[in-house]
Amino acid sequence: APPSGIINMTTKRAESEPVAFMQTTGTDHGSYTGH
C-alpha cells in the first residue's frame, strides 16, 4: 500500500437499547435527503 496511510470506517451495530431514528435534511440549493 502507498505510504500515505489508511482510512478506516467502522459500521454502526445494534446496541442494548433499541434505536429508531428518522431525519430529513436540505440545503438552500435544493438538495434534500431522508435517512
ModelCIF file with pLDDT and N, C-alpha, C, O atoms, coordinates in Angstrom:
data_MODEL
#
_entry.id   MODEL 
#
_entity.id                         1 
_entity.type                       polymer 
_entity.pdbx_number_of_molecules   1 
#
_entity_poly.entity_id                      1 
_entity_poly.type                           'polypeptide(L)' 
_entity_poly.nstd_linkage                   no 
_entity_poly.nstd_monomer                   no 
_entity_poly.pdbx_seq_one_letter_code       APPSGIINMTTKRAESEPVAFMQTTGTDHGSYTGH 
_entity_poly.pdbx_seq_one_letter_code_can   APPSGIINMTTKRAESEPVAFMQTTGTDHGSYTGH 
_entity_poly.pdbx_strand_id                 A 
#
loop_
_entity_poly_seq.entity_id 
_entity_poly_seq.num 
_entity_poly_seq.mon_id 
_entity_poly_seq.hetero 
1 1  ALA n 
1 2  PRO n 
1 3  PRO n 
1 4  SER n 
1 5  GLY n 
1 6  ILE n 
1 7  ILE n 
1 8  ASN n 
1 9  MET n 
1 10 THR n 
1 11 THR n 
1 12 LYS n 
1 13 ARG n 
1 14 ALA n 
1 15 GLU n 
1 16 SER n 
1 17 GLU n 
1 18 PRO n 
1 19 VAL n 
1 20 ALA n 
1 21 PHE n 
1 22 MET n 
1 23 GLN n 
1 24 THR n 
1 25 THR n 
1 26 GLY n 
1 27 THR n 
1 28 ASP n 
1 29 HIS n 
1 30 GLY n 
1 31 SER n 
1 32 TYR n 
1 33 THR n 
1 34 GLY n 
1 35 HIS n 
#
_struct_asym.id          A 
_struct_asym.entity_id   1 
#
loop_
_ma_qa_metric.id 
_ma_qa_metric.mode 
_ma_qa_metric.name 
_ma_qa_metric.software_group_id 
_ma_qa_metric.type 
1 global pLDDT . pLDDT 
2 local  pLDDT . pLDDT 
#
_ma_qa_metric_global.metric_id      1 
_ma_qa_metric_global.metric_value   92.11 
_ma_qa_metric_global.model_id       1 
_ma_qa_metric_global.ordinal_id     1 
#
loop_
_ma_qa_metric_local.label_asym_id 
_ma_qa_metric_local.label_comp_id 
_ma_qa_metric_local.label_seq_id 
_ma_qa_metric_local.metric_id 
_ma_qa_metric_local.metric_value 
_ma_qa_metric_local.model_id 
_ma_qa_metric_local.ordinal_id 
A ALA 1  2 82.00 1 1  
A PRO 2  2 83.00 1 2  
A PRO 3  2 86.00 1 3  
A SER 4  2 89.00 1 4  
A GLY 5  2 87.00 1 5  
A ILE 6  2 89.00 1 6  
A ILE 7  2 92.00 1 7  
A ASN 8  2 92.00 1 8  
A MET 9  2 94.00 1 9  
A THR 10 2 94.00 1 10 
A THR 11 2 96.00 1 11 
A LYS 12 2 96.00 1 12 
A ARG 13 2 95.00 1 13 
A ALA 14 2 95.00 1 14 
A GLU 15 2 92.00 1 15 
A SER 16 2 90.00 1 16 
A GLU 17 2 93.00 1 17 
A PRO 18 2 95.00 1 18 
A VAL 19 2 95.00 1 19 
A ALA 20 2 96.00 1 20 
A PHE 21 2 94.00 1 21 
A MET 22 2 96.00 1 22 
A GLN 23 2 94.00 1 23 
A THR 24 2 94.00 1 24 
A THR 25 2 92.00 1 25 
A GLY 26 2 92.00 1 26 
A THR 27 2 90.00 1 27 
A ASP 28 2 90.00 1 28 
A HIS 29 2 89.00 1 29 
A GLY 30 2 89.00 1 30 
A SER 31 2 92.00 1 31 
A TYR 32 2 94.00 1 32 
A THR 33 2 95.00 1 33 
A GLY 34 2 96.00 1 34 
A HIS 35 2 96.00 1 35 
#
loop_
_atom_site.group_PDB 
_atom_site.id 
_atom_site.type_symbol 
_atom_site.label_atom_id 
_atom_site.label_alt_id 
_atom_site.label_comp_id 
_atom_site.label_asym_id 
_atom_site.label_entity_id 
_atom_site.label_seq_id 
_atom_site.pdbx_PDB_ins_code 
_atom_site.Cartn_x 
_atom_site.Cartn_y 
_atom_site.Cartn_z 
_atom_site.occupancy 
_atom_site.B_iso_or_equiv 
_atom_site.pdbx_formal_charge 
_atom_site.auth_seq_id 
_atom_site.auth_comp_id 
_atom_site.auth_asym_id 
_atom_site.auth_atom_id 
_atom_site.pdbx_PDB_model_num 
ATOM 1   N N  . ALA A 1 1  ? 0.859   -1.182 0.000  1.00 82.00 ? 1  ALA A N  1 
ATOM 2   C CA . ALA A 1 1  ? 0.000   0.000  0.000  1.00 82.00 ? 1  ALA A CA 1 
ATOM 3   C C  . ALA A 1 1  ? 0.893   1.229  0.000  1.00 82.00 ? 1  ALA A C  1 
ATOM 4   O O  . ALA A 1 1  ? 1.973   1.197  0.591  1.00 82.00 ? 1  ALA A O  1 
ATOM 5   N N  . PRO A 1 2  ? 0.471   2.324  -0.652 1.00 83.00 ? 2  PRO A N  1 
ATOM 6   C CA . PRO A 1 2  ? 1.245   3.561  -0.609 1.00 83.00 ? 2  PRO A CA 1 
ATOM 7   C C  . PRO A 1 2  ? 1.417   4.044  0.825  1.00 83.00 ? 2  PRO A C  1 
ATOM 8   O O  . PRO A 1 2  ? 0.601   3.719  1.688  1.00 83.00 ? 2  PRO A O  1 
ATOM 9   N N  . PRO A 1 3  ? 2.470   4.819  1.092  1.00 86.00 ? 3  PRO A N  1 
ATOM 10  C CA . PRO A 1 3  ? 2.765   5.237  2.464  1.00 86.00 ? 3  PRO A CA 1 
ATOM 11  C C  . PRO A 1 3  ? 1.932   6.407  2.955  1.00 86.00 ? 3  PRO A C  1 
ATOM 12  O O  . PRO A 1 3  ? 2.255   6.995  3.988  1.00 86.00 ? 3  PRO A O  1 
ATOM 13  N N  . SER A 1 4  ? 0.869   6.761  2.244  1.00 89.00 ? 4  SER A N  1 
ATOM 14  C CA . SER A 1 4  ? 0.028   7.873  2.692  1.00 89.00 ? 4  SER A CA 1 
ATOM 15  C C  . SER A 1 4  ? -0.681  7.529  3.995  1.00 89.00 ? 4  SER A C  1 
ATOM 16  O O  . SER A 1 4  ? -0.711  8.337  4.922  1.00 89.00 ? 4  SER A O  1 
ATOM 17  N N  . GLY A 1 5  ? -1.256  6.320  4.065  1.00 87.00 ? 5  GLY A N  1 
ATOM 18  C CA . GLY A 1 5  ? -1.958  5.909  5.268  1.00 87.00 ? 5  GLY A CA 1 
ATOM 19  C C  . GLY A 1 5  ? -3.215  5.129  4.940  1.00 87.00 ? 5  GLY A C  1 
ATOM 20  O O  . GLY A 1 5  ? -3.483  4.820  3.778  1.00 87.00 ? 5  GLY A O  1 
ATOM 21  N N  . ILE A 1 6  ? -3.981  4.814  5.968  1.00 89.00 ? 6  ILE A N  1 
ATOM 22  C CA . ILE A 1 6  ? -5.205  4.029  5.854  1.00 89.00 ? 6  ILE A CA 1 
ATOM 23  C C  . ILE A 1 6  ? -6.367  4.848  6.402  1.00 89.00 ? 6  ILE A C  1 
ATOM 24  O O  . ILE A 1 6  ? -6.258  5.477  7.454  1.00 89.00 ? 6  ILE A O  1 
ATOM 25  N N  . ILE A 1 7  ? -7.480  4.831  5.672  1.00 92.00 ? 7  ILE A N  1 
ATOM 26  C CA . ILE A 1 7  ? -8.725  5.425  6.162  1.00 92.00 ? 7  ILE A CA 1 
ATOM 27  C C  . ILE A 1 7  ? -9.679  4.270  6.461  1.00 92.00 ? 7  ILE A C  1 
ATOM 28  O O  . ILE A 1 7  ? -10.041 3.500  5.571  1.00 92.00 ? 7  ILE A O  1 
ATOM 29  N N  . ASN A 1 8  ? -10.079 4.164  7.721  1.00 92.00 ? 8  ASN A N  1 
ATOM 30  C CA . ASN A 1 8  ? -10.911 3.049  8.174  1.00 92.00 ? 8  ASN A CA 1 
ATOM 31  C C  . ASN A 1 8  ? -12.277 3.559  8.614  1.00 92.00 ? 8  ASN A C  1 
ATOM 32  O O  . ASN A 1 8  ? -12.381 4.562  9.320  1.00 92.00 ? 8  ASN A O  1 
ATOM 33  N N  . MET A 1 9  ? -13.324 2.855  8.187  1.00 94.00 ? 9  MET A N  1 
ATOM 34  C CA . MET A 1 9  ? -14.697 3.207  8.565  1.00 94.00 ? 9  MET A CA 1 
ATOM 35  C C  . MET A 1 9  ? -15.307 2.039  9.345  1.00 94.00 ? 9  MET A C  1 
ATOM 36  O O  . MET A 1 9  ? -15.289 0.900  8.879  1.00 94.00 ? 9  MET A O  1 
ATOM 37  N N  . THR A 1 10 ? -15.841 2.325  10.519 1.00 94.00 ? 10 THR A N  1 
ATOM 38  C CA . THR A 1 10 ? -16.448 1.310  11.373 1.00 94.00 ? 10 THR A CA 1 
ATOM 39  C C  . THR A 1 10 ? -17.963 1.463  11.346 1.00 94.00 ? 10 THR A C  1 
ATOM 40  O O  . THR A 1 10 ? -18.483 2.562  11.540 1.00 94.00 ? 10 THR A O  1 
ATOM 41  N N  . THR A 1 11 ? -18.673 0.361  11.105 1.00 96.00 ? 11 THR A N  1 
ATOM 42  C CA . THR A 1 11 ? -20.128 0.435  10.953 1.00 96.00 ? 11 THR A CA 1 
ATOM 43  C C  . THR A 1 11 ? -20.841 0.490  12.308 1.00 96.00 ? 11 THR A C  1 
ATOM 44  O O  . THR A 1 11 ? -20.321 0.034  13.326 1.00 96.00 ? 11 THR A O  1 
ATOM 45  N N  . LYS A 1 12 ? -22.037 1.057  12.283 1.00 96.00 ? 12 LYS A N  1 
ATOM 46  C CA . LYS A 1 12 ? -22.904 1.032  13.455 1.00 96.00 ? 12 LYS A CA 1 
ATOM 47  C C  . LYS A 1 12 ? -23.399 -0.390 13.690 1.00 96.00 ? 12 LYS A C  1 
ATOM 48  O O  . LYS A 1 12 ? -23.562 -1.169 12.750 1.00 96.00 ? 12 LYS A O  1 
ATOM 49  N N  . ARG A 1 13 ? -23.637 -0.718 14.969 1.00 95.00 ? 13 ARG A N  1 
ATOM 50  C CA . ARG A 1 13 ? -24.156 -2.035 15.317 1.00 95.00 ? 13 ARG A CA 1 
ATOM 51  C C  . ARG A 1 13 ? -25.302 -1.877 16.314 1.00 95.00 ? 13 ARG A C  1 
ATOM 52  O O  . ARG A 1 13 ? -25.469 -0.823 16.928 1.00 95.00 ? 13 ARG A O  1 
ATOM 53  N N  . ALA A 1 14 ? -26.076 -2.929 16.461 1.00 95.00 ? 14 ALA A N  1 
ATOM 54  C CA . ALA A 1 14 ? -27.186 -2.897 17.413 1.00 95.00 ? 14 ALA A CA 1 
ATOM 55  C C  . ALA A 1 14 ? -26.650 -2.730 18.828 1.00 95.00 ? 14 ALA A C  1 
ATOM 56  O O  . ALA A 1 14 ? -25.648 -3.339 19.202 1.00 95.00 ? 14 ALA A O  1 
ATOM 57  N N  . GLU A 1 15 ? -27.328 -1.901 19.604 1.00 92.00 ? 15 GLU A N  1 
ATOM 58  C CA . GLU A 1 15 ? -26.935 -1.637 20.975 1.00 92.00 ? 15 GLU A CA 1 
ATOM 59  C C  . GLU A 1 15 ? -27.924 -2.275 21.946 1.00 92.00 ? 15 GLU A C  1 
ATOM 60  O O  . GLU A 1 15 ? -28.914 -2.876 21.530 1.00 92.00 ? 15 GLU A O  1 
ATOM 61  N N  . SER A 1 16 ? -27.648 -2.140 23.232 1.00 90.00 ? 16 SER A N  1 
ATOM 62  C CA . SER A 1 16 ? -28.532 -2.754 24.231 1.00 90.00 ? 16 SER A CA 1 
ATOM 63  C C  . SER A 1 16 ? -29.911 -2.110 24.225 1.00 90.00 ? 16 SER A C  1 
ATOM 64  O O  . SER A 1 16 ? -30.905 -2.768 24.536 1.00 90.00 ? 16 SER A O  1 
ATOM 65  N N  . GLU A 1 17 ? -29.980 -0.822 23.873 1.00 93.00 ? 17 GLU A N  1 
ATOM 66  C CA . GLU A 1 17 ? -31.253 -0.127 23.780 1.00 93.00 ? 17 GLU A CA 1 
ATOM 67  C C  . GLU A 1 17 ? -31.663 -0.003 22.312 1.00 93.00 ? 17 GLU A C  1 
ATOM 68  O O  . GLU A 1 17 ? -30.814 0.255  21.458 1.00 93.00 ? 17 GLU A O  1 
ATOM 69  N N  . PRO A 1 18 ? -32.956 -0.182 22.004 1.00 95.00 ? 18 PRO A N  1 
ATOM 70  C CA . PRO A 1 18 ? -33.408 -0.046 20.612 1.00 95.00 ? 18 PRO A CA 1 
ATOM 71  C C  . PRO A 1 18 ? -33.165 1.367  20.084 1.00 95.00 ? 18 PRO A C  1 
ATOM 72  O O  . PRO A 1 18 ? -33.174 2.338  20.840 1.00 95.00 ? 18 PRO A O  1 
ATOM 73  N N  . VAL A 1 19 ? -32.946 1.461  18.765 1.00 95.00 ? 19 VAL A N  1 
ATOM 74  C CA . VAL A 1 19 ? -32.726 2.736  18.092 1.00 95.00 ? 19 VAL A CA 1 
ATOM 75  C C  . VAL A 1 19 ? -33.781 2.883  17.003 1.00 95.00 ? 19 VAL A C  1 
ATOM 76  O O  . VAL A 1 19 ? -33.977 1.972  16.198 1.00 95.00 ? 19 VAL A O  1 
ATOM 77  N N  . ALA A 1 20 ? -34.455 4.015  16.978 1.00 96.00 ? 20 ALA A N  1 
ATOM 78  C CA . ALA A 1 20 ? -35.411 4.337  15.916 1.00 96.00 ? 20 ALA A CA 1 
ATOM 79  C C  . ALA A 1 20 ? -35.241 5.819  15.609 1.00 96.00 ? 20 ALA A C  1 
ATOM 80  O O  . ALA A 1 20 ? -35.672 6.676  16.380 1.00 96.00 ? 20 ALA A O  1 
ATOM 81  N N  . PHE A 1 21 ? -34.616 6.108  14.488 1.00 94.00 ? 21 PHE A N  1 
ATOM 82  C CA . PHE A 1 21 ? -34.220 7.484  14.159 1.00 94.00 ? 21 PHE A CA 1 
ATOM 83  C C  . PHE A 1 21 ? -34.612 7.791  12.723 1.00 94.00 ? 21 PHE A C  1 
ATOM 84  O O  . PHE A 1 21 ? -34.357 7.004  11.811 1.00 94.00 ? 21 PHE A O  1 
ATOM 85  N N  . MET A 1 22 ? -35.234 8.943  12.537 1.00 96.00 ? 22 MET A N  1 
ATOM 86  C CA . MET A 1 22 ? -35.572 9.419  11.199 1.00 96.00 ? 22 MET A CA 1 
ATOM 87  C C  . MET A 1 22 ? -35.141 10.872 11.082 1.00 96.00 ? 22 MET A C  1 
ATOM 88  O O  . MET A 1 22 ? -35.291 11.657 12.019 1.00 96.00 ? 22 MET A O  1 
ATOM 89  N N  . GLN A 1 23 ? -34.596 11.223 9.904  1.00 94.00 ? 23 GLN A N  1 
ATOM 90  C CA . GLN A 1 23 ? -34.093 12.580 9.731  1.00 94.00 ? 23 GLN A CA 1 
ATOM 91  C C  . GLN A 1 23 ? -34.256 13.015 8.278  1.00 94.00 ? 23 GLN A C  1 
ATOM 92  O O  . GLN A 1 23 ? -34.051 12.222 7.359  1.00 94.00 ? 23 GLN A O  1 
ATOM 93  N N  . THR A 1 24 ? -34.619 14.252 8.079  1.00 94.00 ? 24 THR A N  1 
ATOM 94  C CA . THR A 1 24 ? -34.617 14.856 6.753  1.00 94.00 ? 24 THR A CA 1 
ATOM 95  C C  . THR A 1 24 ? -33.756 16.104 6.801  1.00 94.00 ? 24 THR A C  1 
ATOM 96  O O  . THR A 1 24 ? -33.807 16.859 7.772  1.00 94.00 ? 24 THR A O  1 
ATOM 97  N N  . THR A 1 25 ? -32.971 16.323 5.766  1.00 92.00 ? 25 THR A N  1 
ATOM 98  C CA . THR A 1 25 ? -32.107 17.494 5.677  1.00 92.00 ? 25 THR A CA 1 
ATOM 99  C C  . THR A 1 25 ? -32.269 18.123 4.307  1.00 92.00 ? 25 THR A C  1 
ATOM 100 O O  . THR A 1 25 ? -32.723 17.475 3.364  1.00 92.00 ? 25 THR A O  1 
ATOM 101 N N  . GLY A 1 26 ? -31.897 19.382 4.205  1.00 92.00 ? 26 GLY A N  1 
ATOM 102 C CA . GLY A 1 26 ? -31.972 20.087 2.937  1.00 92.00 ? 26 GLY A CA 1 
ATOM 103 C C  . GLY A 1 26 ? -31.004 21.254 2.912  1.00 92.00 ? 26 GLY A C  1 
ATOM 104 O O  . GLY A 1 26 ? -30.495 21.675 3.951  1.00 92.00 ? 26 GLY A O  1 
ATOM 105 N N  . THR A 1 27 ? -30.755 21.771 1.728  1.00 90.00 ? 27 THR A N  1 
ATOM 106 C CA . THR A 1 27 ? -29.878 22.935 1.554  1.00 90.00 ? 27 THR A CA 1 
ATOM 107 C C  . THR A 1 27 ? -30.615 24.001 0.761  1.00 90.00 ? 27 THR A C  1 
ATOM 108 O O  . THR A 1 27 ? -31.658 23.739 0.161  1.00 90.00 ? 27 THR A O  1 
ATOM 109 N N  . ASP A 1 28 ? -30.054 25.222 0.765  1.00 90.00 ? 28 ASP A N  1 
ATOM 110 C CA . ASP A 1 28 ? -30.675 26.316 0.029  1.00 90.00 ? 28 ASP A CA 1 
ATOM 111 C C  . ASP A 1 28 ? -30.494 26.171 -1.479 1.00 90.00 ? 28 ASP A C  1 
ATOM 112 O O  . ASP A 1 28 ? -31.081 26.933 -2.246 1.00 90.00 ? 28 ASP A O  1 
ATOM 113 N N  . HIS A 1 29 ? -29.677 25.187 -1.919 1.00 89.00 ? 29 HIS A N  1 
ATOM 114 C CA . HIS A 1 29 ? -29.535 24.937 -3.356 1.00 89.00 ? 29 HIS A CA 1 
ATOM 115 C C  . HIS A 1 29 ? -30.625 24.020 -3.888 1.00 89.00 ? 29 HIS A C  1 
ATOM 116 O O  . HIS A 1 29 ? -30.829 23.935 -5.099 1.00 89.00 ? 29 HIS A O  1 
ATOM 117 N N  . GLY A 1 30 ? -31.324 23.334 -2.995 1.00 89.00 ? 30 GLY A N  1 
ATOM 118 C CA . GLY A 1 30 ? -32.382 22.436 -3.428 1.00 89.00 ? 30 GLY A CA 1 
ATOM 119 C C  . GLY A 1 30 ? -32.115 20.970 -3.184 1.00 89.00 ? 30 GLY A C  1 
ATOM 120 O O  . GLY A 1 30 ? -32.927 20.129 -3.568 1.00 89.00 ? 30 GLY A O  1 
ATOM 121 N N  . SER A 1 31 ? -30.988 20.633 -2.549 1.00 92.00 ? 31 SER A N  1 
ATOM 122 C CA . SER A 1 31 ? -30.734 19.242 -2.169 1.00 92.00 ? 31 SER A CA 1 
ATOM 123 C C  . SER A 1 31 ? -31.609 18.867 -0.979 1.00 92.00 ? 31 SER A C  1 
ATOM 124 O O  . SER A 1 31 ? -31.886 19.709 -0.125 1.00 92.00 ? 31 SER A O  1 
ATOM 125 N N  . TYR A 1 32 ? -32.043 17.616 -0.915 1.00 94.00 ? 32 TYR A N  1 
ATOM 126 C CA . TYR A 1 32 ? -32.765 17.129 0.240  1.00 94.00 ? 32 TYR A CA 1 
ATOM 127 C C  . TYR A 1 32 ? -32.515 15.627 0.373  1.00 94.00 ? 32 TYR A C  1 
ATOM 128 O O  . TYR A 1 32 ? -32.355 14.912 -0.617 1.00 94.00 ? 32 TYR A O  1 
ATOM 129 N N  . THR A 1 33 ? -32.487 15.168 1.640  1.00 95.00 ? 33 THR A N  1 
ATOM 130 C CA . THR A 1 33 ? -32.138 13.777 1.935  1.00 95.00 ? 33 THR A CA 1 
ATOM 131 C C  . THR A 1 33 ? -33.012 13.262 3.070  1.00 95.00 ? 33 THR A C  1 
ATOM 132 O O  . THR A 1 33 ? -33.309 13.985 4.021  1.00 95.00 ? 33 THR A O  1 
ATOM 133 N N  . GLY A 1 34 ? -33.419 11.995 2.955  1.00 96.00 ? 34 GLY A N  1 
ATOM 134 C CA . GLY A 1 34 ? -34.113 11.319 4.034  1.00 96.00 ? 34 GLY A CA 1 
ATOM 135 C C  . GLY A 1 34 ? -33.284 10.148 4.545  1.00 96.00 ? 34 GLY A C  1 
ATOM 136 O O  . GLY A 1 34 ? -32.694 9.409  3.756  1.00 96.00 ? 34 GLY A O  1 
ATOM 137 N N  . HIS A 1 35 ? -33.238 9.977  5.862  1.00 96.00 ? 35 HIS A N  1 
ATOM 138 C CA . HIS A 1 35 ? -32.407 8.942  6.483  1.00 96.00 ? 35 HIS A CA 1 
ATOM 139 C C  . HIS A 1 35 ? -33.198 8.237  7.576  1.00 96.00 ? 35 HIS A C  1 
ATOM 140 O O  . HIS A 1 35 ? -32.680 7.328  8.225  1.00 96.00 ? 35 HIS A O  1 
#
